[in-house]
Amino acid sequence: QLQLVESGGGLVQPGGSLRLSCVASGFTLHYYAIGWFRQAPGKEREGVSYISSSGGETKYADSVKGRFTISRDNAKNTVYLQMNSLKPEDTAVYYCAASFYVDYETVLHPEQYEYWGQGTQVTVSS
């Protein structure tokens, strides 16, 4: 059974950092592109970051550029999202998603991805 499990969320003060992990089971992650998405209450799910299957290509939403870094360790079947300088507006449930093929122009669009994790809550508040 193909499964993605996110972890690393929590409560952090503004300006703080968190590292999210996305672990795959039931399939070999290195064949798949991975996206990180987030959804705040009452808002649509939005793309945050993308990494290609090899790790050679990445993309970020303008709202997180320069603060978030996506990376992957295919040997561990894991993708990471390092989040620094967190802001209250980063508060959301964060999801990772996998796709065998994506169009680079639309890699931050949720409909590109077939497999989804259950999400991990990130709350940025003082």
N, C-alpha and C. Protein backbone atom coordinates (compact mmCIF):
# COMPACT_ATOMS: atom_id res chain seq x y z
N GLN A 1 0.84 -1.19 0.00
CA GLN A 1 0.00 0.00 0.00
C GLN A 1 0.88 1.24 0.00
N LEU A 2 0.64 2.13 -0.95
CA LEU A 2 1.42 3.35 -1.06
C LEU A 2 0.97 4.32 0.02
N GLN A 3 1.94 4.82 0.77
CA GLN A 3 1.60 5.71 1.87
C GLN A 3 2.67 6.78 2.05
N LEU A 4 2.22 7.99 2.35
CA LEU A 4 3.10 9.09 2.72
C LEU A 4 2.74 9.54 4.13
N VAL A 5 3.74 9.74 4.96
CA VAL A 5 3.49 10.16 6.33
C VAL A 5 4.35 11.38 6.63
N GLU A 6 3.67 12.47 7.00
CA GLU A 6 4.37 13.70 7.37
C GLU A 6 4.59 13.75 8.88
N SER A 7 5.64 14.41 9.29
CA SER A 7 5.91 14.63 10.71
C SER A 7 6.74 15.89 10.86
N GLY A 8 6.87 16.36 12.10
CA GLY A 8 7.72 17.51 12.37
C GLY A 8 6.97 18.79 12.64
N GLY A 9 5.65 18.76 12.50
CA GLY A 9 4.88 19.95 12.78
C GLY A 9 4.83 20.26 14.27
N GLY A 10 4.27 21.42 14.59
CA GLY A 10 4.15 21.79 15.98
C GLY A 10 3.88 23.27 16.13
N LEU A 11 4.02 23.74 17.37
CA LEU A 11 3.82 25.15 17.70
C LEU A 11 5.19 25.81 17.81
N VAL A 12 5.34 26.93 17.12
CA VAL A 12 6.61 27.65 17.13
C VAL A 12 6.33 29.14 17.17
N GLN A 13 7.23 29.89 17.78
CA GLN A 13 7.07 31.34 17.83
C GLN A 13 7.46 31.97 16.50
N PRO A 14 6.91 33.13 16.20
CA PRO A 14 7.34 33.83 14.98
C PRO A 14 8.86 34.01 14.96
N GLY A 15 9.44 33.78 13.79
CA GLY A 15 10.88 33.83 13.64
C GLY A 15 11.56 32.50 13.88
N GLY A 16 10.83 31.53 14.37
CA GLY A 16 11.40 30.22 14.66
C GLY A 16 11.49 29.33 13.43
N SER A 17 11.93 28.10 13.67
CA SER A 17 12.16 27.14 12.58
C SER A 17 11.52 25.79 12.91
N LEU A 18 11.18 25.08 11.86
CA LEU A 18 10.73 23.70 11.96
C LEU A 18 11.24 22.96 10.73
N ARG A 19 11.46 21.65 10.88
CA ARG A 19 11.76 20.82 9.72
C ARG A 19 10.71 19.73 9.62
N LEU A 20 10.01 19.74 8.51
CA LEU A 20 9.02 18.71 8.25
C LEU A 20 9.66 17.56 7.48
N SER A 21 9.18 16.36 7.76
CA SER A 21 9.64 15.18 7.03
C SER A 21 8.45 14.51 6.37
N CYS A 22 8.70 13.91 5.24
CA CYS A 22 7.70 13.14 4.50
C CYS A 22 8.33 11.80 4.16
N VAL A 23 7.84 10.75 4.80
CA VAL A 23 8.41 9.41 4.60
C VAL A 23 7.45 8.57 3.78
N ALA A 24 7.98 7.89 2.79
CA ALA A 24 7.17 7.04 1.93
C ALA A 24 7.31 5.58 2.34
N SER A 25 6.20 4.88 2.23
CA SER A 25 6.25 3.43 2.42
C SER A 25 5.40 2.77 1.36
N GLY A 26 5.79 1.57 0.97
CA GLY A 26 5.04 0.85 -0.04
C GLY A 26 5.46 1.18 -1.46
N PHE A 27 6.35 2.14 -1.64
CA PHE A 27 6.88 2.46 -2.96
C PHE A 27 8.22 3.16 -2.82
N THR A 28 8.95 3.17 -3.94
CA THR A 28 10.28 3.77 -3.94
C THR A 28 10.16 5.24 -4.32
N LEU A 29 10.46 6.09 -3.35
CA LEU A 29 10.20 7.50 -3.53
C LEU A 29 11.04 8.13 -4.63
N HIS A 30 12.20 7.58 -4.92
CA HIS A 30 13.11 8.29 -5.83
C HIS A 30 12.63 8.33 -7.26
N TYR A 31 11.54 7.60 -7.57
CA TYR A 31 10.97 7.72 -8.91
C TYR A 31 9.96 8.87 -9.02
N TYR A 32 9.67 9.50 -7.88
CA TYR A 32 8.56 10.44 -7.84
C TYR A 32 9.00 11.87 -7.53
N ALA A 33 8.33 12.81 -8.19
CA ALA A 33 8.43 14.20 -7.79
C ALA A 33 7.59 14.41 -6.54
N ILE A 34 8.02 15.31 -5.67
CA ILE A 34 7.32 15.56 -4.42
C ILE A 34 6.98 17.03 -4.29
N GLY A 35 5.78 17.27 -3.87
CA GLY A 35 5.34 18.64 -3.57
C GLY A 35 4.94 18.76 -2.11
N TRP A 36 5.18 19.93 -1.56
CA TRP A 36 4.64 20.28 -0.24
C TRP A 36 3.54 21.31 -0.45
N PHE A 37 2.43 21.09 0.24
CA PHE A 37 1.28 21.97 0.13
C PHE A 37 0.83 22.33 1.54
N ARG A 38 0.02 23.37 1.64
CA ARG A 38 -0.53 23.72 2.95
C ARG A 38 -1.96 24.24 2.76
N GLN A 39 -2.72 24.07 3.84
CA GLN A 39 -4.09 24.54 3.83
C GLN A 39 -4.43 25.12 5.18
N ALA A 40 -4.77 26.40 5.17
CA ALA A 40 -5.20 27.09 6.39
C ALA A 40 -6.72 27.03 6.46
N PRO A 41 -7.29 27.16 7.66
CA PRO A 41 -8.75 27.11 7.80
C PRO A 41 -9.44 28.13 6.90
N GLY A 42 -10.42 27.65 6.16
CA GLY A 42 -11.20 28.54 5.30
C GLY A 42 -10.51 28.93 4.00
N LYS A 43 -9.34 28.37 3.75
CA LYS A 43 -8.61 28.72 2.53
C LYS A 43 -8.38 27.48 1.67
N GLU A 44 -8.09 27.72 0.41
CA GLU A 44 -7.80 26.62 -0.50
C GLU A 44 -6.38 26.08 -0.23
N ARG A 45 -6.19 24.83 -0.63
CA ARG A 45 -4.87 24.24 -0.52
C ARG A 45 -3.93 24.94 -1.51
N GLU A 46 -2.74 25.32 -1.05
CA GLU A 46 -1.81 26.02 -1.91
C GLU A 46 -0.46 25.31 -1.95
N GLY A 47 0.17 25.40 -3.10
CA GLY A 47 1.49 24.80 -3.26
C GLY A 47 2.56 25.64 -2.58
N VAL A 48 3.46 24.95 -1.89
CA VAL A 48 4.54 25.62 -1.16
C VAL A 48 5.88 25.39 -1.83
N SER A 49 6.15 24.13 -2.18
CA SER A 49 7.46 23.81 -2.74
C SER A 49 7.40 22.51 -3.51
N TYR A 50 8.36 22.32 -4.38
CA TYR A 50 8.43 21.12 -5.24
C TYR A 50 9.89 20.72 -5.37
N ILE A 51 10.09 19.39 -5.49
CA ILE A 51 11.43 18.88 -5.80
C ILE A 51 11.28 17.74 -6.79
N SER A 52 12.14 17.72 -7.80
CA SER A 52 12.09 16.67 -8.81
C SER A 52 12.57 15.34 -8.22
N SER A 53 12.37 14.28 -8.97
CA SER A 53 12.72 12.95 -8.47
C SER A 53 14.22 12.83 -8.16
N SER A 54 15.04 13.50 -8.96
CA SER A 54 16.49 13.44 -8.74
C SER A 54 16.95 14.42 -7.68
N GLY A 55 16.10 15.40 -7.38
CA GLY A 55 16.50 16.47 -6.47
C GLY A 55 17.18 17.64 -7.17
N GLY A 56 17.34 17.54 -8.50
CA GLY A 56 18.06 18.57 -9.22
C GLY A 56 17.25 19.82 -9.54
N GLU A 57 15.95 19.72 -9.37
CA GLU A 57 15.06 20.84 -9.70
C GLU A 57 14.17 21.13 -8.51
N THR A 58 14.05 22.39 -8.15
CA THR A 58 13.15 22.78 -7.07
C THR A 58 12.36 24.02 -7.49
N LYS A 59 11.28 24.24 -6.76
CA LYS A 59 10.47 25.44 -7.02
C LYS A 59 9.80 25.82 -5.71
N TYR A 60 9.59 27.13 -5.52
CA TYR A 60 8.98 27.63 -4.29
C TYR A 60 7.91 28.65 -4.61
N ALA A 61 6.90 28.68 -3.77
CA ALA A 61 5.92 29.76 -3.83
C ALA A 61 6.62 31.05 -3.42
N ASP A 62 6.18 32.16 -3.99
CA ASP A 62 6.80 33.45 -3.66
C ASP A 62 6.74 33.75 -2.17
N SER A 63 5.68 33.30 -1.53
CA SER A 63 5.47 33.61 -0.12
C SER A 63 6.49 32.95 0.80
N VAL A 64 7.19 31.90 0.32
CA VAL A 64 8.14 31.20 1.18
C VAL A 64 9.57 31.24 0.63
N LYS A 65 9.73 31.82 -0.53
CA LYS A 65 11.06 31.87 -1.16
C LYS A 65 12.06 32.57 -0.23
N GLY A 66 13.22 31.95 -0.08
CA GLY A 66 14.25 32.51 0.79
C GLY A 66 14.12 32.10 2.24
N ARG A 67 13.00 31.50 2.61
CA ARG A 67 12.78 31.07 4.00
C ARG A 67 12.68 29.55 4.11
N PHE A 68 12.12 28.91 3.11
CA PHE A 68 11.92 27.45 3.12
C PHE A 68 12.90 26.80 2.15
N THR A 69 13.33 25.60 2.51
CA THR A 69 14.22 24.82 1.66
C THR A 69 13.73 23.37 1.60
N ILE A 70 13.55 22.89 0.38
CA ILE A 70 13.13 21.51 0.20
C ILE A 70 14.35 20.66 -0.17
N SER A 71 14.38 19.44 0.33
CA SER A 71 15.49 18.54 0.01
C SER A 71 14.98 17.11 0.10
N ARG A 72 15.78 16.18 -0.40
CA ARG A 72 15.35 14.78 -0.33
C ARG A 72 16.55 13.88 -0.11
N ASP A 73 16.29 12.79 0.57
CA ASP A 73 17.29 11.74 0.78
C ASP A 73 16.65 10.46 0.27
N ASN A 74 16.93 10.13 -0.97
CA ASN A 74 16.27 8.98 -1.58
C ASN A 74 16.66 7.67 -0.90
N ALA A 75 17.84 7.62 -0.32
CA ALA A 75 18.26 6.41 0.39
C ALA A 75 17.37 6.14 1.60
N LYS A 76 16.83 7.23 2.17
CA LYS A 76 15.94 7.10 3.33
C LYS A 76 14.47 7.20 2.94
N ASN A 77 14.21 7.31 1.62
CA ASN A 77 12.83 7.43 1.16
C ASN A 77 12.11 8.60 1.81
N THR A 78 12.82 9.71 1.97
CA THR A 78 12.31 10.84 2.74
C THR A 78 12.58 12.15 2.02
N VAL A 79 11.60 13.04 2.12
CA VAL A 79 11.74 14.42 1.65
C VAL A 79 11.54 15.34 2.85
N TYR A 80 12.30 16.43 2.87
CA TYR A 80 12.26 17.36 3.98
C TYR A 80 11.82 18.74 3.52
N LEU A 81 11.25 19.49 4.44
CA LEU A 81 10.97 20.90 4.21
C LEU A 81 11.49 21.66 5.43
N GLN A 82 12.61 22.35 5.24
CA GLN A 82 13.16 23.17 6.30
C GLN A 82 12.51 24.54 6.23
N MET A 83 11.89 24.95 7.33
CA MET A 83 11.14 26.21 7.36
C MET A 83 11.78 27.12 8.40
N ASN A 84 12.31 28.22 7.92
CA ASN A 84 12.96 29.21 8.80
C ASN A 84 12.19 30.52 8.77
N SER A 85 12.48 31.38 9.73
CA SER A 85 11.84 32.71 9.80
C SER A 85 10.33 32.60 9.66
N LEU A 86 9.75 31.69 10.41
CA LEU A 86 8.32 31.43 10.28
C LEU A 86 7.49 32.62 10.71
N LYS A 87 6.36 32.79 10.04
CA LYS A 87 5.44 33.89 10.28
C LYS A 87 4.08 33.33 10.67
N PRO A 88 3.26 34.11 11.35
CA PRO A 88 1.91 33.63 11.69
C PRO A 88 1.12 33.18 10.47
N GLU A 89 1.33 33.82 9.34
CA GLU A 89 0.60 33.44 8.12
C GLU A 89 1.06 32.10 7.54
N ASP A 90 2.11 31.52 8.09
CA ASP A 90 2.52 30.17 7.68
C ASP A 90 1.71 29.09 8.40
N THR A 91 0.88 29.48 9.34
CA THR A 91 0.06 28.53 10.08
C THR A 91 -0.89 27.80 9.14
N ALA A 92 -0.83 26.48 9.15
CA ALA A 92 -1.65 25.66 8.26
C ALA A 92 -1.36 24.19 8.54
N VAL A 93 -2.16 23.33 7.94
CA VAL A 93 -1.82 21.92 7.86
C VAL A 93 -0.97 21.74 6.61
N TYR A 94 0.18 21.10 6.79
CA TYR A 94 1.11 20.89 5.70
C TYR A 94 1.03 19.45 5.22
N TYR A 95 0.96 19.29 3.90
CA TYR A 95 0.85 17.98 3.28
C TYR A 95 1.99 17.77 2.29
N CYS A 96 2.47 16.53 2.21
CA CYS A 96 3.35 16.19 1.10
C CYS A 96 2.56 15.33 0.13
N ALA A 97 2.97 15.39 -1.13
CA ALA A 97 2.28 14.66 -2.18
C ALA A 97 3.30 14.18 -3.21
N ALA A 98 2.99 13.07 -3.86
CA ALA A 98 3.91 12.46 -4.82
C ALA A 98 3.24 12.29 -6.17
N SER A 99 4.05 12.46 -7.21
CA SER A 99 3.57 12.22 -8.55
C SER A 99 4.68 11.64 -9.40
N PHE A 100 4.33 10.66 -10.23
CA PHE A 100 5.34 10.05 -11.11
C PHE A 100 5.77 11.02 -12.20
N TYR A 101 4.83 11.87 -12.63
CA TYR A 101 5.15 12.85 -13.66
C TYR A 101 4.44 14.15 -13.35
N VAL A 102 5.16 15.27 -13.47
CA VAL A 102 4.55 16.58 -13.34
C VAL A 102 5.06 17.49 -14.44
N ASP A 103 4.24 18.45 -14.80
CA ASP A 103 4.63 19.50 -15.73
C ASP A 103 5.24 20.62 -14.88
N TYR A 104 6.49 21.00 -15.17
CA TYR A 104 7.19 21.97 -14.33
C TYR A 104 6.40 23.27 -14.19
N GLU A 105 5.65 23.63 -15.22
CA GLU A 105 4.91 24.89 -15.16
C GLU A 105 3.81 24.86 -14.11
N THR A 106 3.37 23.67 -13.74
CA THR A 106 2.24 23.55 -12.80
C THR A 106 2.57 22.67 -11.61
N VAL A 107 3.84 22.63 -11.20
CA VAL A 107 4.24 21.71 -10.13
C VAL A 107 3.68 22.09 -8.78
N LEU A 108 3.21 23.32 -8.63
CA LEU A 108 2.63 23.75 -7.36
C LEU A 108 1.11 23.69 -7.38
N HIS A 109 0.57 22.99 -8.33
CA HIS A 109 -0.88 22.79 -8.43
C HIS A 109 -1.24 21.42 -7.84
N PRO A 110 -2.13 21.38 -6.87
CA PRO A 110 -2.44 20.11 -6.19
C PRO A 110 -2.91 19.01 -7.15
N GLU A 111 -3.60 19.36 -8.21
CA GLU A 111 -4.17 18.34 -9.10
C GLU A 111 -3.10 17.56 -9.85
N GLN A 112 -1.83 18.00 -9.79
CA GLN A 112 -0.75 17.27 -10.46
C GLN A 112 -0.35 15.99 -9.71
N TYR A 113 -0.80 15.85 -8.48
CA TYR A 113 -0.26 14.81 -7.61
C TYR A 113 -1.29 13.73 -7.29
N GLU A 114 -0.82 12.47 -7.33
CA GLU A 114 -1.73 11.34 -7.13
C GLU A 114 -1.80 10.87 -5.68
N TYR A 115 -0.67 10.96 -4.95
CA TYR A 115 -0.61 10.36 -3.62
C TYR A 115 -0.37 11.46 -2.59
N TRP A 116 -1.12 11.36 -1.49
CA TRP A 116 -1.10 12.40 -0.47
C TRP A 116 -0.95 11.80 0.91
N GLY A 117 -0.24 12.54 1.77
CA GLY A 117 -0.19 12.18 3.17
C GLY A 117 -1.39 12.78 3.91
N GLN A 118 -1.44 12.53 5.21
CA GLN A 118 -2.55 12.98 6.04
C GLN A 118 -2.34 14.38 6.59
N GLY A 119 -1.13 14.88 6.52
CA GLY A 119 -0.86 16.24 6.95
C GLY A 119 -0.30 16.35 8.36
N THR A 120 0.39 17.46 8.61
CA THR A 120 0.91 17.76 9.93
C THR A 120 0.66 19.24 10.21
N GLN A 121 0.20 19.53 11.41
CA GLN A 121 -0.19 20.90 11.75
C GLN A 121 1.04 21.73 12.12
N VAL A 122 1.12 22.90 11.52
CA VAL A 122 2.14 23.89 11.88
C VAL A 122 1.42 25.14 12.37
N THR A 123 1.74 25.56 13.58
CA THR A 123 1.13 26.75 14.16
C THR A 123 2.24 27.71 14.57
N VAL A 124 2.16 28.92 14.03
CA VAL A 124 3.16 29.95 14.35
C VAL A 124 2.45 31.03 15.15
N SER A 125 2.81 31.12 16.41
CA SER A 125 2.11 32.04 17.30
C SER A 125 2.98 32.35 18.51
N SER A 126 2.83 33.56 19.01
CA SER A 126 3.54 33.93 20.24
C SER A 126 2.64 33.69 21.46
